[in-house]
Protein backbone atom coordinates (compact mmCIF):
# COMPACT_ATOMS: atom_id res chain seq x y z
CA MET A 1 -4.33 29.48 1.51
CA ARG A 2 -0.70 28.36 0.81
CA PHE A 3 1.00 26.47 3.34
CA SER A 4 4.82 25.78 3.35
CA VAL A 5 6.09 22.66 5.10
CA ASP A 6 9.88 22.36 6.08
CA ALA A 7 10.15 18.72 4.35
CA HIS A 8 14.07 18.44 4.35
CA ALA A 9 14.11 15.36 6.53
CA ILE A 10 12.40 13.35 2.95
CA GLY A 11 15.38 10.87 1.67
CA CYS A 12 17.78 11.71 4.45
CA HIS A 13 16.89 8.61 6.48
CA LEU A 14 15.94 10.89 9.44
CA THR A 15 13.81 8.13 10.46
CA GLY A 16 10.79 9.48 13.03
CA ASN A 17 11.26 12.86 11.57
CA GLU A 18 10.88 11.93 8.03
CA VAL A 19 7.78 9.45 8.71
CA TYR A 20 6.47 12.37 10.29
CA VAL A 21 6.58 15.45 7.78
CA ARG A 22 6.37 12.51 4.53
CA SER A 23 3.11 11.15 6.39
CA LEU A 24 1.57 14.56 6.81
CA LEU A 25 2.10 15.82 3.52
CA ASP A 26 0.51 12.32 2.33
CA ALA A 27 -2.43 12.89 4.53
CA PHE A 28 -2.73 16.43 3.17
CA ALA A 29 -3.31 15.39 0.08
CA ALA A 30 -6.14 13.45 0.79
CA VAL A 31 -8.31 15.83 2.65
CA ASP A 32 -7.37 19.31 1.45
CA ASP A 33 -8.20 20.05 -2.33
CA ASN A 34 -8.26 23.72 -1.74
CA SER A 35 -4.84 25.06 -0.11
CA GLU A 36 -1.81 25.00 -1.89
CA PHE A 37 1.22 23.47 -0.42
CA VAL A 38 4.85 23.82 -0.97
CA ALA A 39 7.31 21.60 0.53
CA TYR A 40 11.02 22.57 0.77
CA VAL A 41 13.21 19.41 0.07
CA ALA A 42 16.91 18.54 0.12
CA THR A 43 17.19 16.40 -3.02
CA ARG A 44 15.74 15.67 -6.38
CA GLU A 45 14.75 12.18 -5.05
CA ALA A 46 12.99 13.56 -1.93
CA ALA A 47 10.83 16.07 -4.22
CA ARG A 48 9.46 12.80 -6.17
CA ALA A 49 8.14 11.35 -2.62
CA VAL A 50 5.57 14.64 -2.49
CA PRO A 51 2.44 14.34 -3.55
CA PRO A 52 2.08 15.04 -7.02
CA GLY A 53 0.23 18.78 -7.27
CA PHE A 54 2.34 20.26 -4.49
CA LEU A 55 4.99 22.68 -4.93
CA THR A 56 8.43 21.49 -4.09
CA ARG A 57 11.73 24.08 -3.83
CA ARG A 58 15.09 22.81 -3.11
CA VAL A 59 17.01 24.00 0.12
CA SER A 60 20.50 22.56 1.57
CA ARG A 61 21.13 19.64 3.35
CA ASN A 62 23.30 21.74 5.08
CA PRO A 63 21.50 22.84 8.34
CA PHE A 64 23.55 26.21 8.48
CA LEU A 65 22.75 26.92 5.23
CA ARG A 66 19.30 25.90 5.21
CA LEU A 67 18.33 27.77 8.24
CA GLY A 68 20.66 30.57 7.98
CA SER A 69 19.53 31.40 4.58
CA ASP A 70 17.83 28.90 1.79
CA LEU A 71 14.55 28.98 3.93
CA SER A 72 14.37 32.46 4.23
CA ARG A 73 15.05 33.24 0.89
CA GLN A 74 12.49 30.55 -0.58
CA LEU A 75 9.89 32.16 2.11
CA ARG A 76 10.42 35.50 0.92
CA ARG A 77 9.67 34.16 -2.72
CA ASP A 78 7.06 32.22 -2.19
CA ARG A 79 5.04 34.04 0.31
CA PRO A 80 3.15 31.62 2.31
CA ASP A 81 0.60 32.28 5.17
CA LEU A 82 2.97 30.16 7.25
CA ILE A 83 6.04 27.52 7.49
CA HIS A 84 5.98 24.38 9.57
CA VAL A 85 9.15 23.02 10.96
CA GLN A 86 10.21 20.37 13.16
CA TYR A 87 11.92 21.85 16.05
CA THR A 88 13.72 24.69 14.51
CA ALA A 89 12.57 27.50 12.17
CA PRO A 90 14.89 29.59 10.14
CA LEU A 91 16.94 32.83 11.42
CA ALA A 92 14.96 34.97 9.80
CA CYS A 93 11.66 34.31 9.28
CA PRO A 94 9.32 36.19 7.06
CA ALA A 95 6.37 33.84 7.53
CA PRO A 96 4.32 32.70 10.91
CA ILE A 97 5.39 29.74 12.40
CA VAL A 98 3.85 26.36 13.24
CA VAL A 99 6.49 24.43 15.17
CA SER A 100 6.33 20.55 15.98
CA VAL A 101 8.46 19.66 18.97
CA HIS A 102 8.11 15.98 19.23
CA ASP A 103 10.19 15.93 22.80
CA VAL A 104 12.36 18.02 24.92
CA SER A 105 15.19 14.95 25.52
CA PHE A 106 17.75 17.34 24.92
CA LEU A 107 16.97 19.49 27.73
CA GLU A 108 15.41 16.62 30.37
CA HIS A 109 18.39 14.22 29.34
CA PRO A 110 20.96 16.04 27.54
CA GLY A 111 23.53 12.96 28.09
CA PHE A 112 21.42 11.42 25.53
CA PHE A 113 23.21 13.37 22.75
CA PRO A 114 26.58 14.79 21.91
CA ALA A 115 27.31 17.77 23.88
CA ALA A 116 27.40 20.31 20.68
CA ARG A 117 24.15 18.65 19.83
CA ALA A 118 22.49 19.21 22.87
CA LEU A 119 23.69 22.67 23.11
CA GLN A 120 22.33 23.51 19.65
CA LEU A 121 19.05 22.22 20.18
CA ARG A 122 18.60 24.10 23.59
CA LEU A 123 19.46 27.30 21.69
CA THR A 124 17.47 26.72 18.38
CA VAL A 125 14.43 25.22 19.79
CA GLY A 126 13.62 27.39 22.95
CA ARG A 127 14.28 30.36 20.28
CA THR A 128 11.85 28.97 17.81
CA VAL A 129 9.26 28.03 20.64
CA ALA A 130 9.57 31.66 21.70
CA ARG A 131 8.49 33.17 18.21
CA ALA A 132 6.30 30.49 17.10
CA ALA A 133 2.41 31.08 16.28
CA ARG A 134 1.38 27.62 17.51
CA ILE A 135 3.42 24.78 19.33
CA VAL A 136 2.41 21.11 18.41
CA THR A 137 3.45 17.85 19.87
CA VAL A 138 2.74 14.12 19.42
CA SER A 139 1.54 13.31 23.21
CA GLU A 140 0.24 14.41 26.31
CA PHE A 141 3.53 13.43 27.73
CA SER A 142 5.38 16.02 25.50
CA ARG A 143 2.77 18.56 26.01
CA ARG A 144 3.68 18.42 29.73
CA ALA A 145 7.48 18.32 29.60
CA ILE A 146 7.30 21.21 26.76
CA ALA A 147 5.01 23.40 29.20
CA ARG A 148 7.37 22.65 32.25
CA VAL A 149 10.69 23.35 30.56
CA TYR A 150 9.53 26.52 28.70
CA GLY A 151 7.49 27.79 31.47
CA LEU A 152 4.19 27.69 29.09
CA ASP A 153 0.27 26.75 29.82
CA GLU A 154 -0.21 23.39 28.89
CA GLU A 155 -3.47 24.72 27.27
CA GLU A 156 -0.92 26.71 24.68
CA ILE A 157 0.52 23.28 23.16
CA ILE A 158 -1.28 21.26 20.51
CA VAL A 159 -1.49 17.72 20.75
CA VAL A 160 -1.55 15.80 16.93
CA PRO A 161 -0.65 12.14 17.84
CA ASN A 162 1.06 10.07 15.30
CA ALA A 163 -0.20 7.25 13.63
CA ALA A 164 1.48 4.16 11.23
CA ALA A 165 1.55 4.58 7.84
CA THR A 166 -1.56 2.55 5.99
CA HIS A 167 0.84 -0.11 4.74
CA PHE A 168 1.83 -1.41 7.73
CA ARG A 169 -0.89 -4.11 8.30
CA PRO A 170 -0.92 -7.60 8.85
CA LEU A 171 0.43 -10.45 6.34
CA PRO A 172 0.40 -13.79 6.52
CA HIS A 173 3.06 -14.86 8.91
CA THR A 174 4.54 -17.55 6.98
CA SER A 175 4.98 -15.60 4.04
CA ALA A 176 6.55 -12.94 6.01
CA THR A 177 9.14 -14.97 7.43
CA ALA A 178 10.05 -16.94 4.21
CA TRP A 179 10.44 -13.08 2.58
CA VAL A 180 13.12 -11.96 5.59
CA TRP A 181 14.63 -15.11 5.17
CA ARG A 182 15.20 -14.81 1.46
CA GLN A 183 16.32 -10.84 1.92
CA PHE A 184 18.15 -11.22 5.04
CA GLY A 185 18.96 -14.90 5.70
CA ILE A 186 17.41 -15.00 9.20
CA THR A 187 15.47 -18.20 10.36
CA PRO A 188 12.37 -17.85 12.80
CA PRO A 189 11.52 -17.09 15.60
CA PHE A 190 13.07 -13.81 15.87
CA VAL A 191 12.65 -10.62 18.74
CA LEU A 192 12.38 -7.41 16.49
CA ASN A 193 13.62 -3.85 18.00
CA VAL A 194 13.27 -0.79 15.53
CA GLY A 195 15.71 2.37 16.22
CA ASP A 196 18.57 4.00 15.44
CA LEU A 197 21.49 2.51 17.33
CA GLN A 198 21.87 5.27 20.12
CA PRO A 199 21.72 5.51 24.23
CA ARG A 200 18.27 6.65 24.64
CA LYS A 201 16.83 3.42 22.39
CA ASN A 202 18.70 1.29 25.18
CA GLN A 203 19.43 -1.84 22.72
CA VAL A 204 22.68 -2.44 24.98
CA GLY A 205 19.72 -3.30 27.89
CA LEU A 206 17.99 -5.37 25.53
CA ILE A 207 20.88 -7.36 24.54
CA ARG A 208 21.69 -7.82 27.77
CA ALA A 209 17.87 -8.91 28.42
CA PHE A 210 18.29 -11.26 25.67
CA ALA A 211 21.19 -13.09 26.85
CA GLU A 212 19.20 -13.50 30.25
CA MET A 213 16.68 -14.94 28.50
CA ILE A 214 18.79 -17.92 26.50
CA ARG A 215 20.71 -18.45 29.55
CA ALA A 216 17.61 -18.86 31.46
CA PHE A 217 15.97 -21.42 28.50
CA PRO A 218 18.76 -22.38 26.50
CA GLN A 219 16.21 -24.34 24.24
CA LEU A 220 14.79 -21.45 22.97
CA PRO A 221 15.59 -21.05 19.41
CA HIS A 222 15.20 -17.08 19.01
CA HIS A 223 17.57 -14.87 17.41
CA LEU A 224 17.70 -10.87 17.98
CA VAL A 225 17.02 -8.41 14.83
CA LEU A 226 18.17 -4.83 15.32
CA ALA A 227 16.56 -2.41 12.51
CA GLY A 228 18.17 1.34 12.29
CA LYS A 229 20.97 2.94 11.22
CA GLU A 230 23.95 3.20 13.71
CA GLY A 231 23.79 6.59 15.78
CA TRP A 232 25.83 8.22 18.22
CA ARG A 233 27.69 5.90 20.10
CA GLY A 234 25.86 2.98 18.31
CA GLY A 235 29.54 0.92 18.75
CA ALA A 236 28.60 0.23 22.15
CA VAL A 237 25.71 -1.61 20.97
CA ARG A 238 27.38 -3.86 18.46
CA SER A 239 30.23 -4.17 21.30
CA GLU A 240 27.55 -5.42 23.73
CA ALA A 241 26.35 -8.10 21.17
CA LEU A 242 29.77 -9.44 20.48
CA GLU A 243 30.37 -9.72 24.53
CA SER A 244 27.37 -11.40 24.94
CA GLY A 245 28.23 -14.91 23.94
CA LEU A 246 25.30 -14.46 21.40
CA ALA A 247 27.00 -12.79 18.62
CA GLU A 248 25.66 -15.26 15.63
CA ARG A 249 21.92 -15.02 17.02
CA ILE A 250 22.12 -11.03 16.99
CA HIS A 251 21.41 -9.34 13.57
CA PHE A 252 22.24 -5.73 12.47
CA LEU A 253 20.54 -4.87 9.31
CA GLY A 254 20.93 -0.78 9.45
CA PHE A 255 18.68 1.07 8.04
CA VAL A 256 15.67 -0.51 6.26
CA SER A 257 13.33 0.32 3.51
CA ASP A 258 9.40 0.45 4.47
CA GLU A 259 8.93 -2.63 2.56
CA GLU A 260 11.41 -4.66 4.57
CA LEU A 261 10.07 -2.98 7.61
CA LEU A 262 6.66 -4.13 7.01
CA HIS A 263 7.86 -7.74 6.34
CA LEU A 264 10.11 -7.50 9.18
CA TYR A 265 7.18 -6.37 11.97
CA ASN A 266 4.93 -9.37 10.26
CA ALA A 267 7.71 -12.33 10.18
CA CYS A 268 8.75 -11.50 14.12
CA GLU A 269 7.55 -13.39 17.10
CA PHE A 270 7.14 -10.37 18.79
CA PHE A 271 8.51 -6.60 19.25
CA VAL A 272 10.34 -4.98 21.71
CA PHE A 273 11.07 -1.23 22.37
CA PRO A 274 13.23 -0.73 25.35
CA SER A 275 13.65 3.15 24.90
CA LEU A 276 14.77 4.97 27.81
CA TYR A 277 12.85 8.32 26.66
CA GLU A 278 10.28 9.06 23.67
CA GLY A 279 8.01 11.85 22.61
CA PHE A 280 5.70 9.02 21.02
CA GLY A 281 7.03 5.98 20.00
CA LEU A 282 5.87 5.48 16.66
CA PRO A 283 7.29 1.71 15.86
CA VAL A 284 4.94 0.44 18.94
CA ILE A 285 1.94 1.70 17.03
CA GLU A 286 3.53 0.35 13.91
CA ALA A 287 4.24 -3.01 15.14
CA MET A 288 0.91 -3.04 16.46
CA ALA A 289 -1.00 -2.41 13.24
CA CYS A 290 0.83 -5.33 11.87
CA GLY A 291 -0.81 -7.59 14.47
CA ARG A 292 2.36 -8.22 16.35
CA PRO A 293 2.70 -8.59 20.08
CA VAL A 294 4.67 -5.75 21.83
CA ALA A 295 6.79 -5.46 24.96
CA CYS A 296 7.68 -1.70 25.36
CA SER A 297 8.71 0.13 28.54
CA ASP A 298 6.58 1.57 30.62
CA GLY A 299 8.11 5.13 31.07
CA SER A 300 7.90 8.95 28.84
CA ALA A 301 5.07 8.44 26.22
CA VAL A 302 5.54 4.80 25.25
CA ALA A 303 2.89 3.49 27.98
CA GLU A 304 0.42 6.46 26.83
CA VAL A 305 1.01 5.53 23.24
CA ALA A 306 0.73 1.58 24.14
CA ASP A 307 -2.54 2.08 26.87
CA GLY A 308 -2.76 -1.46 27.94
CA ALA A 309 -2.18 -3.32 24.94
CA ALA A 310 1.36 -3.88 25.50
CA ILE A 311 3.61 -5.95 28.00
CA LEU A 312 5.01 -3.08 29.95
CA PHE A 313 8.37 -3.15 31.75
CA ASP A 314 11.09 -0.86 33.61
CA ALA A 315 13.19 -0.21 30.65
CA HIS A 316 16.63 0.50 33.38
CA SER A 317 15.79 -3.16 34.65
CA THR A 318 17.15 -6.00 32.61
CA ALA A 319 15.62 -8.29 34.92
CA GLU A 320 12.16 -6.98 33.82
CA ILE A 321 12.77 -6.91 30.21
CA THR A 322 13.57 -10.25 30.09
CA ARG A 323 10.56 -11.20 32.16
CA ALA A 324 8.38 -9.81 29.63
CA MET A 325 10.41 -11.38 26.88
CA LEU A 326 10.58 -14.66 28.24
CA ASP A 327 6.53 -13.85 29.02
CA LEU A 328 5.67 -13.49 25.37
CA ALA A 329 8.11 -16.23 23.98
CA LEU A 330 6.94 -19.14 26.03
CA ASP A 331 3.04 -18.37 26.43
CA SER A 332 1.42 -18.76 22.96
CA GLU A 333 -2.01 -17.62 24.07
CA LEU A 334 -0.30 -14.65 25.58
CA ARG A 335 0.96 -13.68 22.22
CA ALA A 336 -1.93 -13.77 20.53
CA ARG A 337 -4.09 -11.85 22.82
CA THR A 338 -1.54 -9.18 22.93
CA GLY A 339 -1.53 -8.94 19.32
CA ARG A 340 -5.15 -8.59 18.91
CA LEU A 341 -5.23 -5.80 21.67
CA GLY A 342 -2.43 -4.27 19.67
CA LEU A 343 -4.26 -3.92 16.57
CA GLN A 344 -7.40 -2.41 18.18
CA ARG A 345 -4.79 0.18 20.13
CA ALA A 346 -3.10 1.18 16.37
CA ALA A 347 -6.60 1.70 15.08
CA HIS A 348 -7.32 4.35 17.14
CA PHE A 349 -4.17 6.52 15.73
CA SER A 350 -5.05 7.81 11.81
CA TRP A 351 -2.68 10.08 9.59
CA ARG A 352 -6.01 11.31 8.04
CA ARG A 353 -7.63 12.47 11.19
CA SER A 354 -4.35 14.14 12.72
CA ALA A 355 -4.03 16.24 9.15
CA GLU A 356 -7.27 17.20 9.26
CA LYS A 357 -6.32 18.75 13.38
CA MET A 358 -3.07 19.98 11.91
CA LEU A 359 -4.93 21.84 8.91
CA ALA A 360 -6.91 23.53 11.70
CA VAL A 361 -3.86 24.76 13.47
CA TYR A 362 -3.16 26.09 10.00
CA HIS A 363 -6.25 27.92 9.50
CA GLU A 364 -6.03 29.56 12.93
CA VAL A 365 -2.57 30.77 12.26
CA ALA A 366 -3.16 31.76 8.60
CA ARG A 367 -6.26 33.93 10.09
CA PRO A 368 -5.00 35.65 13.16
CA ALA A 369 -7.64 38.19 13.33
CA GLU A 370 -10.00 35.37 14.22
CA ARG A 371 -7.72 34.43 17.06
CA PRO A 372 -4.87 36.35 18.26
CA LEU A 373 -1.39 34.85 18.25
CA PRO A 374 0.65 34.21 21.24
CA VAL A 375 3.65 36.37 22.43
CA ARG A 376 6.28 34.49 24.40
CA ARG A 377 9.24 34.84 26.16
CA ALA A 378 12.67 32.98 25.04
CA SER A 379 13.45 31.80 28.83
CA PHE A 380 13.15 27.85 30.10
CA SER A 381 14.23 26.14 32.77
CA VAL A 382 14.83 22.41 33.55
CA SER A 383 14.40 20.64 37.09
CA ASN A 384 16.32 17.25 37.63
């Protein structure tokens, strides 16, 4: 069997999409010695991140070129049994499609996106879903949402969850805080958030809650650390920090490497994730895998992923975010208990198990006579 994967996200700082495809490829290498894998990458450096023994092909970083011609040309040359893409398949696709749709926020909450981007996703993802041999997503929440907006039966959508990469693990807190001080000049204790600066991630709400926390207990020495590259309307987050009166205690690190992220998770006193919409919420599991206490939103897929191992709050309520942060900042026993529960929860997720489940999907698609491939309509609807 020859399986091809659109891996253009590797090396492009596309955060969750990059982590997803890189982790799957690494896990495929660990569990499947019999299949041949072809990874379509956008840079020479990305090719070096693909597991040894996998074939790599270069495609353009420009999405119009990649989806309009490059991938189609490579697929005709390589003749794989399928192509696995995230969200969008090439226009002319000579191979069966497995598509991963992590969420449909672009349909349910288009205001989280630039108008042109929301329209592009609305058109291209709908077209890909209609043509796909199999649709994969990462949570039960996303499965229900995808079925609802595209008029599908939930059984047509397969859940293959994300997981924390194996390098996310507990480190001695003292050594991690010393490493972070040397690397970034940040002194403990600090509250950590990870995610691109954009409206959906709700860092503005987090900064407001942090300011309320410090106003309520001025003796608290905490800093707030935001790790993530600037996204659409990211400037509003920086403006909120300046207006908070606590700008000297709010740190913007931009995009961080895996090693830096490992130490940041382990050095933080607790992790806060106030996102307004997630198909999974990978940073929650990464922080838990490092043994850190987590407070996160109770909506979309985040509560499903946390499953009782985190302090939950309404992400639209500054007061609730503040209360959750104060509970963790003031109660060391609660921090310890929440950290233990998080470690146990993170262990429920494994890229190895997810890769095995994904490979089962691949084999179904590669042998359509054993299980006929569905034919779908391209229409969809959203009810607000």
